[in-house]
Each structure stands twice: as C-alpha cells, then as structure tokens.
C-alpha cells in the first residue's frame, strides 16, 4: 500500500475515494487485511480514513 495511496491522493479528490474489497472474489482474510492496512496506516489522516471507509460511500449512496 505505501506506493499506491500517495499516488491515488495525487490523482483523485479525497472526497471521491471509496474503499472496495472485491468480495467475494477476494477471500475474506485478504479483505480484512487490506481494510486493516488502510485503518492503521500513518500515510493518511484519521479524517481521510473515515472518508475512504465510510463517509464518501454514504455520500455516494445519498445517506
């Protein structure tokens, strides 16, 4: 993840980034590992983590 996240933030507005797991094609342990990597990285702020994992999807879905 270290190379991808900074590059993504250079290319996309942080208010339009949403984490997606590709379940069921990615097995559950990998899905959990990838989500955990996002939630524990120090490459982004806690506010950005909240946006990527929850808030941006809620906005997209109109909730």
Protein backbone atom coordinates (compact mmCIF):
# COMPACT_ATOMS: atom_id res chain seq x y z
CA UNK A 1 0.00 0.00 0.00
CA UNK A 2 2.69 2.62 0.63
CA UNK A 3 3.25 3.40 -3.07
CA UNK A 4 -0.41 3.30 -4.08
CA UNK A 5 -2.01 5.58 -1.51
CA UNK A 6 0.10 8.72 -2.06
CA UNK A 7 -0.26 8.29 -5.83
CA UNK A 8 -4.03 7.92 -5.52
CA UNK A 9 -4.22 11.11 -3.46
CA UNK A 10 -2.33 12.96 -6.20
CA UNK A 11 -4.75 11.72 -8.85
CA UNK A 12 -8.13 11.86 -7.12
CA UNK A 13 -10.06 14.16 -4.82
CA UNK A 14 -10.07 12.60 -1.34
CA UNK A 15 -13.84 13.16 -1.19
CA UNK A 16 -14.29 10.72 -4.08
CA UNK A 17 -12.18 7.81 -2.83
CA UNK A 18 -14.07 4.79 -1.51
CA UNK A 19 -12.57 1.53 -0.28
CA UNK A 20 -13.98 -1.50 -2.09
CA UNK A 21 -12.98 -5.05 -1.24
CA UNK A 22 -13.91 -7.02 -4.39
CA UNK A 23 -15.70 -9.60 -2.24
CA UNK A 24 -16.47 -12.47 -2.99
CA UNK A 25 -13.63 -12.72 -5.49
CA UNK A 26 -11.09 -11.73 -2.84
CA UNK A 27 -11.11 -14.11 0.10
CA UNK A 28 -12.24 -12.80 3.49
CA UNK A 29 -8.83 -12.87 5.25
CA UNK A 30 -7.34 -10.72 2.46
CA UNK A 31 -10.30 -8.31 2.56
CA UNK A 32 -9.81 -7.87 6.31
CA UNK A 33 -6.05 -7.45 5.93
CA UNK A 34 -6.41 -4.74 3.27
CA UNK A 35 -9.05 -2.84 5.26
CA UNK A 36 -6.84 -3.08 8.35
CA UNK A 37 -3.88 -1.70 6.39
CA UNK A 38 -5.93 1.35 5.49
CA UNK A 39 -7.19 1.85 9.03
CA UNK A 40 -3.73 1.55 10.59
CA UNK A 41 -1.53 3.38 8.09
CA UNK A 42 0.04 6.67 9.03
CA UNK A 43 0.14 7.77 5.38
CA UNK A 44 -3.29 9.36 5.71
CA UNK A 45 -5.11 11.19 8.49
CA UNK A 46 -7.84 9.70 10.64
CA UNK A 47 -10.28 12.02 8.89
CA UNK A 48 -9.24 10.64 5.49
CA UNK A 49 -9.60 7.08 6.77
CA UNK A 50 -13.15 7.87 7.90
CA UNK A 51 -13.93 9.35 4.48
CA UNK A 52 -12.48 6.43 2.50
CA UNK A 53 -14.06 3.72 4.61
CA UNK A 54 -17.46 5.25 5.43
CA UNK A 55 -18.37 8.89 4.72
CA UNK A 56 -17.68 9.01 0.98
CA UNK A 57 -19.76 5.89 0.38
CA UNK A 58 -22.61 7.30 2.45
CA UNK A 59 -22.50 10.49 0.37
CA UNK A 60 -22.41 8.48 -2.86
CA UNK A 61 -25.44 6.46 -1.79
CA UNK A 62 -27.30 9.56 -0.64
CA UNK A 63 -27.44 8.69 3.04
